[in-house]
Structures are given as structure tokens and as C-alpha cells.
């Protein structure tokens, strides 16, 4: 009986660890980006419920890492975060009726 309980506890522990690992791969629930005209609180988890494919926002996929992993100064194609976010976020917000005015995302 003790062996069965030990096995069940081990299985429960491993299952919990697996769930935590899967959840952590999705990133934080919310991110805050500092900006001159007001910080942006980005509800990452809420966007995951709306956007089906991570590549929609993350370009080459989350596993590609930071933009500078592929975009380099030598190539001359390193976008600023501001320009990338404005281009991508505003176009999607227009299509999905999200906020498009500065104060919709930037909060002082």
C-alpha cells in the first residue's frame, strides 16, 4: 500500500511539474514596457486568447529569441521596438477594433 501511495505521489508531482513547464512557455500574463509618453501594460495572456499563432506577433516564433537574433546592425535591418510595435500593434488593433490612439496603450 505504501508503494502505491509513493507511486501516486510521484506521478502527481511529475504532472504538476509538467503543467508548470507548459504554462511558463507561454510567457508572463502581463508585461510592462517603459516609454517616454507613458508606460504600456501589455496583457500578454489576453492576447494569447485572441491570436491563434504566436508567429503573428513574434515574427519567426518565440523560440527565435530577441529581434537582434536575426536582425543585425551589419544587415542594417534592426527595427526599434517602438517602430515594430507601432506598425504591428496598430495595424492589428485597427482590424480588431482595439485601441489606436496613444492614450489607449500609453498611460502616464
PDB file of N, CA and C in Angstrom:
ATOM      1  N   UNK A   1       0.823  -1.198   0.000  1.00  0.00           N
ATOM      2  CA  UNK A   1       0.000   0.000   0.000  1.00  0.00           C
ATOM      3  C   UNK A   1       0.866   1.260   0.000  1.00  0.00           C
ATOM      4  N   UNK A   2       1.956   1.211   0.797  1.00  0.00           N
ATOM      5  CA  UNK A   2       2.858   2.367   0.845  1.00  0.00           C
ATOM      6  C   UNK A   2       3.487   2.620  -0.523  1.00  0.00           C
ATOM      7  N   UNK A   3       3.808   1.530  -1.215  1.00  0.00           N
ATOM      8  CA  UNK A   3       4.423   1.664  -2.538  1.00  0.00           C
ATOM      9  C   UNK A   3       3.450   2.334  -3.509  1.00  0.00           C
ATOM     10  N   UNK A   4       2.177   1.978  -3.469  1.00  0.00           N
ATOM     11  CA  UNK A   4       1.162   2.569  -4.337  1.00  0.00           C
ATOM     12  C   UNK A   4       1.014   4.065  -4.054  1.00  0.00           C
ATOM     13  N   UNK A   5       0.983   4.423  -2.794  1.00  0.00           N
ATOM     14  CA  UNK A   5       0.872   5.841  -2.423  1.00  0.00           C
ATOM     15  C   UNK A   5       2.103   6.607  -2.884  1.00  0.00           C
ATOM     16  N   UNK A   6       3.268   6.007  -2.723  1.00  0.00           N
ATOM     17  CA  UNK A   6       4.510   6.651  -3.166  1.00  0.00           C
ATOM     18  C   UNK A   6       4.496   6.859  -4.677  1.00  0.00           C
ATOM     19  N   UNK A   7       4.058   5.864  -5.428  1.00  0.00           N
ATOM     20  CA  UNK A   7       3.990   5.978  -6.889  1.00  0.00           C
ATOM     21  C   UNK A   7       2.981   7.047  -7.293  1.00  0.00           C
ATOM     22  N   UNK A   8       1.821   7.067  -6.662  1.00  0.00           N
ATOM     23  CA  UNK A   8       0.810   8.074  -6.973  1.00  0.00           C
ATOM     24  C   UNK A   8       1.316   9.484  -6.662  1.00  0.00           C
ATOM     25  N   UNK A   9       1.998   9.659  -5.550  1.00  0.00           N
ATOM     26  CA  UNK A   9       2.570  10.971  -5.214  1.00  0.00           C
ATOM     27  C   UNK A   9       3.620  11.383  -6.238  1.00  0.00           C
ATOM     28  N   UNK A  10       4.448  10.440  -6.665  1.00  0.00           N
ATOM     29  CA  UNK A  10       5.478  10.750  -7.663  1.00  0.00           C
ATOM     30  C   UNK A  10       4.837  11.167  -8.985  1.00  0.00           C
ATOM     31  N   UNK A  11       3.802  10.457  -9.402  1.00  0.00           N
ATOM     32  CA  UNK A  11       3.098  10.790 -10.640  1.00  0.00           C
ATOM     33  C   UNK A  11       2.459  12.169 -10.525  1.00  0.00           C
ATOM     34  N   UNK A  12       1.832  12.457  -9.395  1.00  0.00           N
ATOM     35  CA  UNK A  12       1.209  13.768  -9.185  1.00  0.00           C
ATOM     36  C   UNK A  12       2.258  14.872  -9.224  1.00  0.00           C
ATOM     37  N   UNK A  13       3.407  14.628  -8.606  1.00  0.00           N
ATOM     38  CA  UNK A  13       4.489  15.613  -8.602  1.00  0.00           C
ATOM     39  C   UNK A  13       4.986  15.882 -10.019  1.00  0.00           C
ATOM     40  N   UNK A  14       5.198  14.833 -10.800  1.00  0.00           N
ATOM     41  CA  UNK A  14       5.663  14.997 -12.182  1.00  0.00           C
ATOM     42  C   UNK A  14       4.622  15.702 -13.053  1.00  0.00           C
ATOM     43  N   UNK A  15       3.363  15.363 -12.855  1.00  0.00           N
ATOM     44  CA  UNK A  15       2.298  16.011 -13.626  1.00  0.00           C
ATOM     45  C   UNK A  15       2.220  17.495 -13.310  1.00  0.00           C
ATOM     46  N   UNK A  16       2.353  17.847 -12.047  1.00  0.00           N
ATOM     47  CA  UNK A  16       2.346  19.261 -11.646  1.00  0.00           C
ATOM     48  C   UNK A  16       3.530  19.985 -12.271  1.00  0.00           C
ATOM     49  N   UNK A  17       4.694  19.354 -12.244  1.00  0.00           N
ATOM     50  CA  UNK A  17       5.880  19.957 -12.862  1.00  0.00           C
ATOM     51  C   UNK A  17       5.701  20.162 -14.345  1.00  0.00           C
ATOM     52  N   UNK A  18       5.085  19.209 -15.011  1.00  0.00           N
ATOM     53  CA  UNK A  18       4.839  19.331 -16.453  1.00  0.00           C
ATOM     54  C   UNK A  18       3.875  20.473 -16.754  1.00  0.00           C
ATOM     55  N   UNK A  19       2.831  20.611 -15.950  1.00  0.00           N
ATOM     56  CA  UNK A  19       1.880  21.711 -16.149  1.00  0.00           C
ATOM     57  C   UNK A  19       2.544  23.059 -15.951  1.00  0.00           C
ATOM     58  N   UNK A  20       3.394  23.170 -14.944  1.00  0.00           N
ATOM     59  CA  UNK A  20       4.098  24.429 -14.690  1.00  0.00           C
ATOM     60  C   UNK A  20       5.025  24.744 -15.854  1.00  0.00           C
ATOM     61  N   UNK A  21       5.713  23.743 -16.382  1.00  0.00           N
ATOM     62  CA  UNK A  21       6.620  23.956 -17.512  1.00  0.00           C
ATOM     63  C   UNK A  21       5.867  24.417 -18.747  1.00  0.00           C
ATOM     64  N   UNK A  22       4.739  23.815 -19.026  1.00  0.00           N
ATOM     65  CA  UNK A  22       3.941  24.204 -20.194  1.00  0.00           C
ATOM     66  C   UNK A  22       3.413  25.621 -20.018  1.00  0.00           C
ATOM     67  N   UNK A  23       2.942  25.949 -18.830  1.00  0.00           N
ATOM     68  CA  UNK A  23       2.407  27.293 -18.577  1.00  0.00           C
ATOM     69  C   UNK A  23       3.502  28.345 -18.695  1.00  0.00           C
ATOM     70  N   UNK A  24       4.719  28.030 -18.238  1.00  0.00           N
ATOM     71  CA  UNK A  24       5.792  29.021 -18.277  1.00  0.00           C
ATOM     72  C   UNK A  24       6.270  29.282 -19.700  1.00  0.00           C
ATOM     73  N   UNK A  25       6.067  28.351 -20.616  1.00  0.00           N
ATOM     74  CA  UNK A  25       6.465  28.551 -22.003  1.00  0.00           C
ATOM     75  C   UNK A  25       5.615  29.612 -22.684  1.00  0.00           C
ATOM     76  N   UNK A  26       4.467  29.908 -22.128  1.00  0.00           N
ATOM     77  CA  UNK A  26       3.588  30.909 -22.714  1.00  0.00           C
ATOM     78  C   UNK A  26       3.987  32.319 -22.316  1.00  0.00           C
ATOM     79  N   UNK A  27       4.974  32.462 -21.477  1.00  0.00           N
ATOM     80  CA  UNK A  27       5.414  33.781 -21.044  1.00  0.00           C
ATOM     81  C   UNK A  27       4.589  34.296 -19.887  1.00  0.00           C
ATOM     82  N   UNK A  28       4.881  35.522 -19.515  1.00  0.00           N
ATOM     83  CA  UNK A  28       4.178  36.165 -18.410  1.00  0.00           C
ATOM     84  C   UNK A  28       2.752  36.505 -18.826  1.00  0.00           C
ATOM     85  N   UNK A  29       1.885  36.649 -17.851  1.00  0.00           N
ATOM     86  CA  UNK A  29       0.498  37.030 -18.129  1.00  0.00           C
ATOM     87  C   UNK A  29       0.426  38.473 -18.602  1.00  0.00           C
ATOM     88  N   UNK A  30       1.374  39.293 -18.136  1.00  0.00           N
ATOM     89  CA  UNK A  30       1.343  40.721 -18.456  1.00  0.00           C
ATOM     90  C   UNK A  30       2.774  41.253 -18.491  1.00  0.00           C
ATOM     91  N   UNK A  31       3.043  42.157 -19.393  1.00  0.00           N
ATOM     92  CA  UNK A  31       4.350  42.803 -19.497  1.00  0.00           C
ATOM     93  C   UNK A  31       4.156  44.306 -19.425  1.00  0.00           C
ATOM     94  N   UNK A  32       5.134  45.010 -18.871  1.00  0.00           N
ATOM     95  CA  UNK A  32       5.104  46.465 -18.847  1.00  0.00           C
ATOM     96  C   UNK A  32       6.329  46.977 -19.588  1.00  0.00           C
ATOM     97  N   UNK A  33       6.087  47.854 -20.547  1.00  0.00           N
ATOM     98  CA  UNK A  33       7.159  48.466 -21.327  1.00  0.00           C
ATOM     99  C   UNK A  33       7.212  49.943 -20.983  1.00  0.00           C
ATOM    100  N   UNK A  34       8.399  50.425 -20.655  1.00  0.00           N
ATOM    101  CA  UNK A  34       8.556  51.841 -20.330  1.00  0.00           C
ATOM    102  C   UNK A  34       8.663  52.646 -21.617  1.00  0.00           C
ATOM    103  N   UNK A  35       7.981  53.775 -21.633  1.00  0.00           N
ATOM    104  CA  UNK A  35       8.012  54.666 -22.791  1.00  0.00           C
ATOM    105  C   UNK A  35       7.945  56.108 -22.308  1.00  0.00           C
ATOM    106  N   UNK A  36       8.518  57.027 -23.096  1.00  0.00           N
ATOM    107  CA  UNK A  36       8.530  58.448 -22.710  1.00  0.00           C
ATOM    108  C   UNK A  36       7.136  59.009 -22.487  1.00  0.00           C
ATOM    109  N   UNK A  37       6.201  58.641 -23.335  1.00  0.00           N
ATOM    110  CA  UNK A  37       4.861  59.220 -23.237  1.00  0.00           C
ATOM    111  C   UNK A  37       3.896  58.346 -22.433  1.00  0.00           C
ATOM    112  N   UNK A  38       4.426  57.513 -21.563  1.00  0.00           N
ATOM    113  CA  UNK A  38       3.610  56.688 -20.683  1.00  0.00           C
ATOM    114  C   UNK A  38       3.880  55.211 -20.878  1.00  0.00           C
ATOM    115  N   UNK A  39       3.945  54.502 -19.788  1.00  0.00           N
ATOM    116  CA  UNK A  39       4.223  53.069 -19.861  1.00  0.00           C
ATOM    117  C   UNK A  39       3.067  52.310 -20.503  1.00  0.00           C
ATOM    118  N   UNK A  40       3.417  51.198 -21.114  1.00  0.00           N
ATOM    119  CA  UNK A  40       2.443  50.343 -21.766  1.00  0.00           C
ATOM    120  C   UNK A  40       2.352  49.055 -20.966  1.00  0.00           C
ATOM    121  N   UNK A  41       1.178  48.747 -20.485  1.00  0.00           N
ATOM    122  CA  UNK A  41       0.946  47.472 -19.830  1.00  0.00           C
ATOM    123  C   UNK A  41       0.311  46.569 -20.866  1.00  0.00           C
ATOM    124  N   UNK A  42       1.041  45.538 -21.243  1.00  0.00           N
ATOM    125  CA  UNK A  42       0.611  44.651 -22.318  1.00  0.00           C
ATOM    126  C   UNK A  42       0.036  43.371 -21.729  1.00  0.00           C
ATOM    127  N   UNK A  43      -1.269  43.135 -21.902  1.00  0.00           N
ATOM    128  CA  UNK A  43      -1.901  41.920 -21.387  1.00  0.00           C
ATOM    129  C   UNK A  43      -1.614  40.722 -22.303  1.00  0.00           C
ATOM    130  N   UNK A  44      -0.447  40.116 -22.114  1.00  0.00           N
ATOM    131  CA  UNK A  44       0.027  39.027 -22.972  1.00  0.00           C
ATOM    132  C   UNK A  44      -0.933  37.847 -22.972  1.00  0.00           C
ATOM    133  N   UNK A  45      -1.385  37.442 -21.796  1.00  0.00           N
ATOM    134  CA  UNK A  45      -2.285  36.290 -21.700  1.00  0.00           C
ATOM    135  C   UNK A  45      -3.600  36.541 -22.439  1.00  0.00           C
ATOM    136  N   UNK A  46      -4.125  37.748 -22.347  1.00  0.00           N
ATOM    137  CA  UNK A  46      -5.368  38.081 -23.052  1.00  0.00           C
ATOM    138  C   UNK A  46      -5.164  38.023 -24.568  1.00  0.00           C
ATOM    139  N   UNK A  47      -4.013  38.484 -25.036  1.00  0.00           N
ATOM    140  CA  UNK A  47      -3.731  38.434 -26.470  1.00  0.00           C
ATOM    141  C   UNK A  47      -3.577  36.994 -26.961  1.00  0.00           C
ATOM    142  N   UNK A  48      -3.053  36.123 -26.108  1.00  0.00           N
ATOM    143  CA  UNK A  48      -2.908  34.713 -26.495  1.00  0.00           C
ATOM    144  C   UNK A  48      -4.267  34.077 -26.744  1.00  0.00           C
ATOM    145  N   UNK A  49      -5.285  34.566 -26.066  1.00  0.00           N
ATOM    146  CA  UNK A  49      -6.632  34.050 -26.284  1.00  0.00           C
ATOM    147  C   UNK A  49      -7.253  34.543 -27.576  1.00  0.00           C
ATOM    148  N   UNK A  50      -6.719  35.635 -28.122  1.00  0.00           N
ATOM    149  CA  UNK A  50      -7.259  36.233 -29.344  1.00  0.00           C
ATOM    150  C   UNK A  50      -6.471  35.789 -30.579  1.00  0.00           C
ATOM    151  N   UNK A  51      -5.151  35.783 -30.466  1.00  0.00           N
ATOM    152  CA  UNK A  51      -4.259  35.466 -31.584  1.00  0.00           C
ATOM    153  C   UNK A  51      -3.957  33.972 -31.569  1.00  0.00           C
ATOM    154  N   UNK A  52      -4.236  33.293 -32.660  1.00  0.00           N
ATOM    155  CA  UNK A  52      -4.087  31.839 -32.695  1.00  0.00           C
ATOM    156  C   UNK A  52      -2.638  31.367 -32.776  1.00  0.00           C
ATOM    157  N   UNK A  53      -1.810  32.070 -33.526  1.00  0.00           N
ATOM    158  CA  UNK A  53      -0.437  31.632 -33.760  1.00  0.00           C
ATOM    159  C   UNK A  53       0.542  32.645 -33.194  1.00  0.00           C
ATOM    160  N   UNK A  54       1.466  32.200 -32.369  1.00  0.00           N
ATOM    161  CA  UNK A  54       2.459  33.088 -31.752  1.00  0.00           C
ATOM    162  C   UNK A  54       3.252  33.865 -32.804  1.00  0.00           C
ATOM    163  N   UNK A  55       3.450  33.260 -33.979  1.00  0.00           N
ATOM    164  CA  UNK A  55       4.219  33.912 -35.039  1.00  0.00           C
ATOM    165  C   UNK A  55       3.542  35.161 -35.576  1.00  0.00           C
ATOM    166  N   UNK A  56       2.260  35.323 -35.300  1.00  0.00           N
ATOM    167  CA  UNK A  56       1.563  36.535 -35.717  1.00  0.00           C
ATOM    168  C   UNK A  56       2.250  37.750 -35.108  1.00  0.00           C
ATOM    169  N   UNK A  57       2.638  37.639 -33.858  1.00  0.00           N
ATOM    170  CA  UNK A  57       3.295  38.747 -33.161  1.00  0.00           C
ATOM    171  C   UNK A  57       4.805  38.565 -33.060  1.00  0.00           C
ATOM    172  N   UNK A  58       5.222  37.314 -32.901  1.00  0.00           N
ATOM    173  CA  UNK A  58       6.639  37.049 -32.652  1.00  0.00           C
ATOM    174  C   UNK A  58       7.420  36.785 -33.920  1.00  0.00           C
ATOM    175  N   UNK A  59       6.850  37.044 -35.078  1.00  0.00           N
ATOM    176  CA  UNK A  59       7.542  37.030 -36.352  1.00  0.00           C
ATOM    177  C   UNK A  59       8.058  35.637 -36.721  1.00  0.00           C
ATOM    178  N   UNK A  60       9.161  35.227 -36.186  1.00  0.00           N
ATOM    179  CA  UNK A  60       9.744  33.917 -36.507  1.00  0.00           C
ATOM    180  C   UNK A  60       9.450  32.878 -35.434  1.00  0.00           C
ATOM    181  N   UNK A  61       8.609  33.232 -34.495  1.00  0.00           N
ATOM    182  CA  UNK A  61       8.285  32.310 -33.409  1.00  0.00           C
ATOM    183  C   UNK A  61       9.042  32.668 -32.157  1.00  0.00           C
ATOM    184  N   UNK A  62       8.509  32.298 -31.047  1.00  0.00           N
ATOM    185  CA  UNK A  62       9.081  32.634 -29.748  1.00  0.00           C
ATOM    186  C   UNK A  62      10.476  32.057 -29.595  1.00  0.00           C
ATOM    187  N   UNK A  63      10.699  30.863 -30.138  1.00  0.00           N
ATOM    188  CA  UNK A  63      11.993  30.223 -29.964  1.00  0.00           C
ATOM    189  C   UNK A  63      13.120  30.948 -30.703  1.00  0.00           C
ATOM    190  N   UNK A  64      12.787  31.877 -31.589  1.00  0.00           N
ATOM    191  CA  UNK A  64      13.818  32.633 -32.310  1.00  0.00           C
ATOM    192  C   UNK A  64      14.552  33.596 -31.385  1.00  0.00           C
ATOM    193  N   UNK A  65      13.927  33.991 -30.291  1.00  0.00           N
ATOM    194  CA  UNK A  65      14.573  34.882 -29.339  1.00  0.00           C
ATOM    195  C   UNK A  65      14.343  36.336 -29.676  1.00  0.00           C
ATOM    196  N   UNK A  66      15.264  37.167 -29.237  1.00  0.00           N
ATOM    197  CA  UNK A  66      15.153  38.606 -29.447  1.00  0.00           C
ATOM    198  C   UNK A  66      15.266  38.948 -30.928  1.00  0.00           C
ATOM    199  N   UNK A  67      14.726  40.100 -31.296  1.00  0.00           N
ATOM    200  CA  UNK A  67      14.773  40.552 -32.696  1.00  0.00           C
ATOM    201  C   UNK A  67      16.200  40.537 -33.234  1.00  0.00           C
ATOM    202  N   UNK A  68      17.134  40.939 -32.385  1.00  0.00           N
ATOM    203  CA  UNK A  68      18.528  41.050 -32.817  1.00  0.00           C
ATOM    204  C   UNK A  68      19.185  39.692 -33.056  1.00  0.00           C
ATOM    205  N   UNK A  69      18.465  38.607 -32.781  1.00  0.00           N
ATOM    206  CA  UNK A  69      18.990  37.283 -33.099  1.00  0.00           C
ATOM    207  C   UNK A  69      19.137  37.143 -34.612  1.00  0.00           C
ATOM    208  N   UNK A  70      18.171  37.677 -35.348  1.00  0.00           N
ATOM    209  CA  UNK A  70      18.201  37.597 -36.819  1.00  0.00           C
ATOM    210  C   UNK A  70      18.509  38.951 -37.457  1.00  0.00           C
ATOM    211  N   UNK A  71      17.928  40.010 -36.913  1.00  0.00           N
ATOM    212  CA  UNK A  71      18.133  41.349 -37.452  1.00  0.00           C
ATOM    213  C   UNK A  71      19.401  41.922 -36.834  1.00  0.00           C
ATOM    214  N   UNK A  72      20.352  42.333 -37.671  1.00  0.00           N
ATOM    215  CA  UNK A  72      21.635  42.812 -37.154  1.00  0.00           C
ATOM    216  C   UNK A  72      21.970  44.193 -37.700  1.00  0.00           C
ATOM    217  N   UNK A  73      22.852  44.884 -36.986  1.00  0.00           N
ATOM    218  CA  UNK A  73      23.323  46.198 -37.444  1.00  0.00           C
ATOM    219  C   UNK A  73      24.063  46.044 -38.772  1.00  0.00           C
ATOM    220  N   UNK A  74      24.788  44.935 -38.913  1.00  0.00           N
ATOM    221  CA  UNK A  74      25.532  44.710 -40.147  1.00  0.00           C
ATOM    222  C   UNK A  74      24.588  44.621 -41.344  1.00  0.00           C
ATOM    223  N   UNK A  75      23.443  43.985 -41.150  1.00  0.00           N
ATOM    224  CA  UNK A  75      22.448  43.892 -42.215  1.00  0.00           C
ATOM    225  C   UNK A  75      21.700  45.209 -42.372  1.00  0.00           C
ATOM    226  N   UNK A  76      21.729  46.024 -41.320  1.00  0.00           N
ATOM    227  CA  UNK A  76      21.030  47.302 -41.356  1.00  0.00           C
ATOM    228  C   UNK A  76      19.526  47.169 -41.247  1.00  0.00           C
ATOM    229  N   UNK A  77      19.069  46.084 -40.643  1.00  0.00           N
ATOM    230  CA  UNK A  77      17.622  45.871 -40.576  1.00  0.00           C
ATOM    231  C   UNK A  77      17.105  45.669 -39.147  1.00  0.00           C
ATOM    232  N   UNK A  78      17.722  46.340 -38.190  1.00  0.00           N
ATOM    233  CA  UNK A  78      17.278  46.223 -36.803  1.00  0.00           C
ATOM    234  C   UNK A  78      16.203  47.280 -36.541  1.00  0.00           C
ATOM    235  N   UNK A  79      14.955  46.845 -36.414  1.00  0.00           N
ATOM    236  CA  UNK A  79      13.900  47.824 -36.129  1.00  0.00           C
ATOM    237  C   UNK A  79      13.956  48.208 -34.652  1.00  0.00           C
ATOM    238  N   UNK A  80      13.534  49.406 -34.346  1.00  0.00           N
ATOM    239  CA  UNK A  80      13.391  49.756 -32.937  1.00  0.00           C
ATOM    240  C   UNK A  80      12.133  49.071 -32.432  1.00  0.00           C
ATOM    241  N   UNK A  81      12.080  48.825 -31.146  1.00  0.00           N
ATOM    242  CA  UNK A  81      10.889  48.202 -30.585  1.00  0.00           C
ATOM    243  C   UNK A  81       9.678  49.094 -30.839  1.00  0.00           C
ATOM    244  N   UNK A  82       9.903  50.393 -30.716  1.00  0.00           N
ATOM    245  CA  UNK A  82       8.813  51.351 -30.929  1.00  0.00           C
ATOM    246  C   UNK A  82       8.233  51.215 -32.337  1.00  0.00           C
ATOM    247  N   UNK A  83       9.088  51.201 -33.352  1.00  0.00           N
ATOM    248  CA  UNK A  83       8.574  51.129 -34.720  1.00  0.00           C
ATOM    249  C   UNK A  83       7.915  49.777 -35.000  1.00  0.00           C
ATOM    250  N   UNK A  84       8.506  48.711 -34.497  1.00  0.00           N
ATOM    251  CA  UNK A  84       7.920  47.382 -34.711  1.00  0.00           C
ATOM    252  C   UNK A  84       6.568  47.264 -34.019  1.00  0.00           C
ATOM    253  N   UNK A  85       6.491  47.730 -32.765  1.00  0.00           N
ATOM    254  CA  UNK A  85       5.237  47.637 -32.016  1.00  0.00           C
ATOM    255  C   UNK A  85       4.162  48.518 -32.643  1.00  0.00           C
ATOM    256  N   UNK A  86       4.523  49.747 -33.003  1.00  0.00           N
ATOM    257  CA  UNK A  86       3.520  50.628 -33.606  1.00  0.00           C
ATOM    258  C   UNK A  86       2.997  50.048 -34.913  1.00  0.00           C
ATOM    259  N   UNK A  87       3.884  49.552 -35.738  1.00  0.00           N
ATOM    260  CA  UNK A  87       3.466  49.001 -37.032  1.00  0.00           C
ATOM    261  C   UNK A  87       2.579  47.770 -36.828  1.00  0.00           C
ATOM    262  N   UNK A  88       3.037  46.842 -36.021  1.00  0.00           N
ATOM    263  CA  UNK A  88       2.321  45.587 -35.852  1.00  0.00           C
ATOM    264  C   UNK A  88       1.067  45.765 -34.994  1.00  0.00           C
ATOM    265  N   UNK A  89       1.208  46.409 -33.846  1.00  0.00           N
ATOM    266  CA  UNK A  89       0.079  46.532 -32.915  1.00  0.00           C
ATOM    267  C   UNK A  89      -1.041  47.398 -33.484  1.00  0.00           C
ATOM    268  N   UNK A  90      -0.672  48.549 -34.026  1.00  0.00           N
ATOM    269  CA  UNK A  90      -1.709  49.455 -34.521  1.00  0.00           C
ATOM    270  C   UNK A  90      -2.466  48.858 -35.700  1.00  0.00           C
ATOM    271  N   UNK A  91      -1.774  48.153 -36.582  1.00  0.00           N
ATOM    272  CA  UNK A  91      -2.481  47.561 -37.721  1.00  0.00           C
ATOM    273  C   UNK A  91      -3.446  46.478 -37.245  1.00  0.00           C
ATOM    274  N   UNK A  92      -3.039  45.690 -36.285  1.00  0.00           N
ATOM    275  CA  UNK A  92      -3.928  44.655 -35.747  1.00  0.00           C
ATOM    276  C   UNK A  92      -5.068  45.298 -34.959  1.00  0.00           C
ATOM    277  N   UNK A  93      -4.752  46.320 -34.174  1.00  0.00           N
ATOM    278  CA  UNK A  93      -5.792  46.995 -33.400  1.00  0.00           C
ATOM    279  C   UNK A  93      -6.841  47.627 -34.315  1.00  0.00           C
ATOM    280  N   UNK A  94      -6.417  48.164 -35.441  1.00  0.00           N
ATOM    281  CA  UNK A  94      -7.389  48.725 -36.394  1.00  0.00           C
ATOM    282  C   UNK A  94      -8.305  47.628 -36.926  1.00  0.00           C
ATOM    283  N   UNK A  95      -7.729  46.491 -37.257  1.00  0.00           N
ATOM    284  CA  UNK A  95      -8.505  45.384 -37.803  1.00  0.00           C
ATOM    285  C   UNK A  95      -9.417  44.739 -36.760  1.00  0.00           C
ATOM    286  N   UNK A  96      -8.988  44.742 -35.512  1.00  0.00           N
ATOM    287  CA  UNK A  96      -9.736  44.059 -34.455  1.00  0.00           C
ATOM    288  C   UNK A  96     -10.466  45.027 -33.521  1.00  0.00           C
ATOM    289  N   UNK A  97     -10.527  46.297 -33.872  1.00  0.00           N
ATOM    290  CA  UNK A  97     -11.200  47.330 -33.070  1.00  0.00           C
ATOM    291  C   UNK A  97     -10.569  47.506 -31.696  1.00  0.00           C
ATOM    292  N   UNK A  98      -9.250  47.379 -31.639  1.00  0.00           N
ATOM    293  CA  UNK A  98      -8.524  47.647 -30.392  1.00  0.00           C
ATOM    294  C   UNK A  98      -8.174  49.122 -30.319  1.00  0.00           C
ATOM    295  N   UNK A  99      -7.531  49.548 -29.230  1.00  0.00           N
ATOM    296  CA  UNK A  99      -7.178  50.965 -29.108  1.00  0.00           C
ATOM    297  C   UNK A  99      -6.129  51.370 -30.142  1.00  0.00           C
ATOM    298  N   UNK A 100      -6.327  52.522 -30.760  1.00  0.00           N
ATOM    299  CA  UNK A 100      -5.369  53.019 -31.755  1.00  0.00           C
ATOM    300  C   UNK A 100      -4.828  54.400 -31.407  1.00  0.00           C
ATOM    301  N   UNK A 101      -5.435  55.060 -30.441  1.00  0.00           N
ATOM    302  CA  UNK A 101      -4.926  56.369 -30.011  1.00  0.00           C
ATOM    303  C   UNK A 101      -3.832  56.149 -28.977  1.00  0.00           C
ATOM    304  N   UNK A 102      -2.910  57.083 -28.876  1.00  0.00           N
ATOM    305  CA  UNK A 102      -1.771  56.947 -27.970  1.00  0.00           C
ATOM    306  C   UNK A 102      -2.208  56.571 -26.546  1.00  0.00           C
ATOM    307  N   UNK A 103      -3.226  57.291 -26.045  1.00  0.00           N
ATOM    308  CA  UNK A 103      -3.648  57.078 -24.665  1.00  0.00           C
ATOM    309  C   UNK A 103      -4.333  55.732 -24.454  1.00  0.00           C
ATOM    310  N   UNK A 104      -4.641  55.024 -25.508  1.00  0.00           N
ATOM    311  CA  UNK A 104      -5.237  53.696 -25.380  1.00  0.00           C
ATOM    312  C   UNK A 104      -4.255  52.660 -24.863  1.00  0.00           C
ATOM    313  N   UNK A 105      -2.970  52.889 -25.115  1.00  0.00           N
ATOM    314  CA  UNK A 105      -1.931  51.952 -24.655  1.00  0.00           C
ATOM    315  C   UNK A 105      -0.946  52.617 -23.688  1.00  0.00           C
ATOM    316  N   UNK A 106      -0.607  53.884 -23.961  1.00  0.00           N
ATOM    317  CA  UNK A 106       0.351  54.599 -23.128  1.00  0.00           C
ATOM    318  C   UNK A 106      -0.375  55.257 -21.958  1.00  0.00           C
ATOM    319  N   UNK A 107       0.056  54.925 -20.734  1.00  0.00           N
ATOM    320  CA  UNK A 107      -0.560  55.509 -19.541  1.00  0.00           C
ATOM    321  C   UNK A 107       0.521  56.186 -18.719  1.00  0.00           C
ATOM    322  N   UNK A 108       0.324  57.483 -18.464  1.00  0.00           N
ATOM    323  CA  UNK A 108       1.293  58.226 -17.657  1.00  0.00           C
ATOM    324  C   UNK A 108       1.034  58.034 -16.200  1.00  0.00           C
TER     325      UNK A 108
END
